[in-house]
Amino acid sequence: PNGVRKPLTDLSLQEAHPATCFPPAFAAACSWSETVMERMGRALAMESRYYDVQVLLGPGVNLKRHYYGGRNHEYFSEDPFLTGRLAC
């Protein structure tokens, strides 16, 4: 999922508390909007605090290196300028 994930129990792999499913990083980056990214970051922070989640995995700021890359959906863009602006 793209967002906060808090399992129902310590050993639960499939079941989690309800949370907002945000668009993947590459889709959010298509907006080219720093305002959109800031609002998404604030919403992720609020949910993380609500569920007492200490680690949030993503979005990533690594540059896409190859179009066959299996994790490219987690990164903003292959453009270093756009990635840098949206990550700040």
N, C-alpha and C. Protein backbone atom coordinates (compact mmCIF):
# COMPACT_ATOMS: atom_id res chain seq x y z
N PRO A 1 0.83 -1.21 0.00
CA PRO A 1 0.00 0.00 0.00
C PRO A 1 0.86 1.26 0.00
N ASN A 2 0.33 2.31 -0.50
CA ASN A 2 1.03 3.59 -0.52
C ASN A 2 0.48 4.44 0.61
N GLY A 3 1.10 4.36 1.75
CA GLY A 3 0.63 5.09 2.91
C GLY A 3 1.09 4.41 4.19
N VAL A 4 0.42 4.75 5.27
CA VAL A 4 0.77 4.20 6.58
C VAL A 4 0.25 2.78 6.69
N ARG A 5 1.07 1.91 7.25
CA ARG A 5 0.63 0.53 7.47
C ARG A 5 0.90 0.17 8.92
N LYS A 6 -0.17 -0.18 9.63
CA LYS A 6 -0.07 -0.59 11.03
C LYS A 6 -0.80 -1.91 11.17
N PRO A 7 -0.07 -3.02 11.33
CA PRO A 7 -0.71 -4.33 11.48
C PRO A 7 -1.63 -4.37 12.71
N LEU A 8 -2.67 -5.18 12.64
CA LEU A 8 -3.60 -5.31 13.76
C LEU A 8 -2.92 -5.92 14.98
N THR A 9 -2.03 -6.88 14.75
CA THR A 9 -1.26 -7.49 15.84
C THR A 9 0.21 -7.53 15.42
N ASP A 10 1.08 -7.85 16.36
CA ASP A 10 2.51 -7.90 16.06
C ASP A 10 2.84 -8.95 15.01
N LEU A 11 2.06 -10.03 14.96
CA LEU A 11 2.35 -11.12 14.04
C LEU A 11 1.48 -11.09 12.79
N SER A 12 0.66 -10.08 12.63
CA SER A 12 -0.26 -9.99 11.50
C SER A 12 0.47 -9.50 10.25
N LEU A 13 0.42 -10.31 9.19
CA LEU A 13 1.04 -9.91 7.94
C LEU A 13 0.02 -9.40 6.93
N GLN A 14 -1.21 -9.84 7.02
CA GLN A 14 -2.22 -9.48 6.04
C GLN A 14 -3.19 -8.42 6.52
N GLU A 15 -3.55 -8.44 7.78
CA GLU A 15 -4.57 -7.53 8.30
C GLU A 15 -3.93 -6.31 8.92
N ALA A 16 -4.49 -5.13 8.57
CA ALA A 16 -3.94 -3.88 9.09
C ALA A 16 -5.07 -2.92 9.43
N HIS A 17 -4.75 -1.93 10.23
CA HIS A 17 -5.72 -0.88 10.55
C HIS A 17 -6.05 -0.11 9.27
N PRO A 18 -7.25 0.44 9.17
CA PRO A 18 -7.59 1.22 7.97
C PRO A 18 -6.73 2.48 7.86
N ALA A 19 -6.37 2.82 6.65
CA ALA A 19 -5.56 4.01 6.41
C ALA A 19 -5.82 4.51 4.99
N THR A 20 -5.45 5.73 4.75
CA THR A 20 -5.60 6.31 3.42
C THR A 20 -4.62 5.69 2.45
N CYS A 21 -5.08 5.35 1.27
CA CYS A 21 -4.20 4.85 0.22
C CYS A 21 -3.87 6.01 -0.71
N PHE A 22 -2.66 6.49 -0.64
CA PHE A 22 -2.22 7.61 -1.44
C PHE A 22 -1.75 7.12 -2.81
N PRO A 23 -1.72 8.02 -3.81
CA PRO A 23 -1.19 7.60 -5.11
C PRO A 23 0.30 7.28 -4.99
N PRO A 24 0.79 6.39 -5.84
CA PRO A 24 2.23 6.10 -5.80
C PRO A 24 3.04 7.34 -6.14
N ALA A 25 4.30 7.33 -5.75
CA ALA A 25 5.16 8.51 -5.89
C ALA A 25 5.22 9.02 -7.32
N PHE A 26 5.35 8.11 -8.30
CA PHE A 26 5.47 8.59 -9.68
C PHE A 26 4.19 9.28 -10.14
N ALA A 27 3.02 8.83 -9.68
CA ALA A 27 1.76 9.47 -10.07
C ALA A 27 1.62 10.84 -9.40
N ALA A 28 2.01 10.94 -8.14
CA ALA A 28 1.96 12.23 -7.44
C ALA A 28 2.93 13.22 -8.08
N ALA A 29 4.08 12.73 -8.53
CA ALA A 29 5.06 13.61 -9.16
C ALA A 29 4.57 14.16 -10.49
N CYS A 30 3.64 13.47 -11.13
CA CYS A 30 3.09 13.95 -12.40
C CYS A 30 2.35 15.28 -12.23
N SER A 31 1.98 15.61 -11.02
CA SER A 31 1.30 16.89 -10.79
C SER A 31 2.27 18.07 -10.89
N TRP A 32 3.56 17.83 -10.70
CA TRP A 32 4.60 18.87 -10.67
C TRP A 32 4.27 19.93 -9.62
N SER A 33 3.51 19.56 -8.62
CA SER A 33 3.05 20.54 -7.64
C SER A 33 3.69 20.29 -6.28
N GLU A 34 4.49 21.25 -5.84
CA GLU A 34 5.08 21.15 -4.51
C GLU A 34 3.99 21.23 -3.44
N THR A 35 2.92 21.97 -3.71
CA THR A 35 1.82 22.10 -2.76
C THR A 35 1.12 20.76 -2.55
N VAL A 36 0.89 20.03 -3.63
CA VAL A 36 0.26 18.71 -3.52
C VAL A 36 1.14 17.78 -2.69
N MET A 37 2.44 17.80 -2.96
CA MET A 37 3.35 16.91 -2.22
C MET A 37 3.42 17.30 -0.75
N GLU A 38 3.39 18.58 -0.46
CA GLU A 38 3.42 19.01 0.94
C GLU A 38 2.15 18.56 1.67
N ARG A 39 1.01 18.70 1.03
CA ARG A 39 -0.26 18.28 1.65
C ARG A 39 -0.27 16.77 1.86
N MET A 40 0.26 16.02 0.90
CA MET A 40 0.33 14.57 1.06
C MET A 40 1.27 14.21 2.21
N GLY A 41 2.39 14.90 2.32
CA GLY A 41 3.32 14.66 3.41
C GLY A 41 2.72 14.96 4.77
N ARG A 42 1.96 16.04 4.86
CA ARG A 42 1.29 16.37 6.13
C ARG A 42 0.25 15.31 6.50
N ALA A 43 -0.49 14.85 5.51
CA ALA A 43 -1.49 13.81 5.77
C ALA A 43 -0.84 12.51 6.23
N LEU A 44 0.28 12.15 5.59
CA LEU A 44 1.01 10.95 6.01
C LEU A 44 1.54 11.11 7.43
N ALA A 45 2.02 12.30 7.77
CA ALA A 45 2.52 12.56 9.12
C ALA A 45 1.40 12.44 10.15
N MET A 46 0.22 12.97 9.83
CA MET A 46 -0.91 12.89 10.76
C MET A 46 -1.31 11.45 11.01
N GLU A 47 -1.39 10.65 9.96
CA GLU A 47 -1.76 9.24 10.14
C GLU A 47 -0.68 8.47 10.88
N SER A 48 0.58 8.79 10.61
CA SER A 48 1.69 8.12 11.31
C SER A 48 1.62 8.41 12.80
N ARG A 49 1.35 9.66 13.16
CA ARG A 49 1.23 10.01 14.58
C ARG A 49 0.01 9.34 15.21
N TYR A 50 -1.10 9.31 14.48
CA TYR A 50 -2.33 8.71 15.00
C TYR A 50 -2.12 7.24 15.36
N TYR A 51 -1.44 6.50 14.47
CA TYR A 51 -1.21 5.07 14.70
C TYR A 51 0.11 4.79 15.43
N ASP A 52 0.83 5.83 15.82
CA ASP A 52 2.12 5.69 16.49
C ASP A 52 3.10 4.86 15.65
N VAL A 53 3.14 5.16 14.37
CA VAL A 53 4.06 4.51 13.44
C VAL A 53 5.32 5.35 13.37
N GLN A 54 6.46 4.73 13.60
CA GLN A 54 7.73 5.44 13.67
C GLN A 54 8.50 5.46 12.35
N VAL A 55 8.19 4.53 11.45
CA VAL A 55 8.92 4.43 10.18
C VAL A 55 7.91 4.42 9.03
N LEU A 56 8.16 5.24 8.05
CA LEU A 56 7.32 5.30 6.85
C LEU A 56 8.21 4.99 5.65
N LEU A 57 7.90 3.93 4.93
CA LEU A 57 8.75 3.49 3.82
C LEU A 57 8.28 4.13 2.51
N GLY A 58 8.81 5.27 2.22
CA GLY A 58 8.50 5.90 0.94
C GLY A 58 7.75 7.19 1.13
N PRO A 59 7.60 7.97 0.13
CA PRO A 59 8.14 7.71 -1.21
C PRO A 59 9.65 7.88 -1.26
N GLY A 60 10.25 7.34 -2.28
CA GLY A 60 11.70 7.40 -2.41
C GLY A 60 12.14 8.53 -3.32
N VAL A 61 13.36 8.98 -3.14
CA VAL A 61 13.90 10.03 -3.98
C VAL A 61 15.04 9.51 -4.86
N ASN A 62 15.23 8.22 -4.90
CA ASN A 62 16.23 7.63 -5.78
C ASN A 62 15.80 7.87 -7.23
N LEU A 63 16.73 8.11 -8.11
CA LEU A 63 16.39 8.32 -9.51
C LEU A 63 16.18 6.98 -10.21
N LYS A 64 15.20 6.95 -11.09
CA LYS A 64 14.94 5.73 -11.87
C LYS A 64 16.09 5.53 -12.83
N ARG A 65 16.62 4.34 -12.85
CA ARG A 65 17.78 4.10 -13.70
C ARG A 65 17.44 3.31 -14.95
N HIS A 66 16.41 2.50 -14.89
CA HIS A 66 16.08 1.64 -16.01
C HIS A 66 14.58 1.41 -16.03
N TYR A 67 13.97 1.46 -17.18
CA TYR A 67 12.53 1.34 -17.26
C TYR A 67 12.01 -0.05 -16.92
N TYR A 68 12.89 -1.05 -16.84
CA TYR A 68 12.47 -2.38 -16.39
C TYR A 68 12.55 -2.52 -14.87
N GLY A 69 13.00 -1.48 -14.19
CA GLY A 69 13.17 -1.54 -12.73
C GLY A 69 11.85 -1.87 -12.04
N GLY A 70 11.90 -2.83 -11.14
CA GLY A 70 10.69 -3.30 -10.49
C GLY A 70 10.16 -2.38 -9.41
N ARG A 71 10.94 -1.43 -8.93
CA ARG A 71 10.49 -0.57 -7.83
C ARG A 71 10.34 0.89 -8.26
N ASN A 72 10.29 1.15 -9.54
CA ASN A 72 10.23 2.52 -10.03
C ASN A 72 8.99 3.28 -9.56
N HIS A 73 7.91 2.58 -9.26
CA HIS A 73 6.69 3.25 -8.81
C HIS A 73 6.88 3.95 -7.47
N GLU A 74 7.93 3.60 -6.75
CA GLU A 74 8.18 4.19 -5.44
C GLU A 74 8.97 5.50 -5.52
N TYR A 75 9.46 5.85 -6.69
CA TYR A 75 10.30 7.04 -6.83
C TYR A 75 9.55 8.13 -7.59
N PHE A 76 9.95 9.38 -7.35
CA PHE A 76 9.26 10.50 -7.96
C PHE A 76 9.45 10.56 -9.47
N SER A 77 10.69 10.58 -9.92
CA SER A 77 10.92 10.86 -11.34
C SER A 77 12.34 10.47 -11.73
N GLU A 78 12.57 10.41 -13.03
CA GLU A 78 13.94 10.23 -13.50
C GLU A 78 14.63 11.57 -13.70
N ASP A 79 13.88 12.64 -13.54
CA ASP A 79 14.42 13.99 -13.68
C ASP A 79 14.96 14.47 -12.33
N PRO A 80 16.27 14.73 -12.21
CA PRO A 80 16.83 15.12 -10.91
C PRO A 80 16.28 16.45 -10.40
N PHE A 81 15.97 17.38 -11.29
CA PHE A 81 15.43 18.67 -10.85
C PHE A 81 14.05 18.48 -10.21
N LEU A 82 13.17 17.77 -10.92
CA LEU A 82 11.82 17.52 -10.40
C LEU A 82 11.86 16.74 -9.09
N THR A 83 12.66 15.69 -9.06
CA THR A 83 12.78 14.90 -7.83
C THR A 83 13.26 15.74 -6.67
N GLY A 84 14.25 16.56 -6.91
CA GLY A 84 14.77 17.43 -5.85
C GLY A 84 13.75 18.44 -5.35
N ARG A 85 13.01 19.05 -6.26
CA ARG A 85 12.00 20.04 -5.86
C ARG A 85 10.86 19.40 -5.06
N LEU A 86 10.41 18.23 -5.51
CA LEU A 86 9.28 17.59 -4.84
C LEU A 86 9.69 16.96 -3.51
N ALA A 87 10.94 16.56 -3.40
CA ALA A 87 11.40 15.93 -2.16
C ALA A 87 11.62 16.93 -1.04
N CYS A 88 11.87 18.16 -1.39
CA CYS A 88 12.11 19.19 -0.36
C CYS A 88 10.81 19.62 0.20
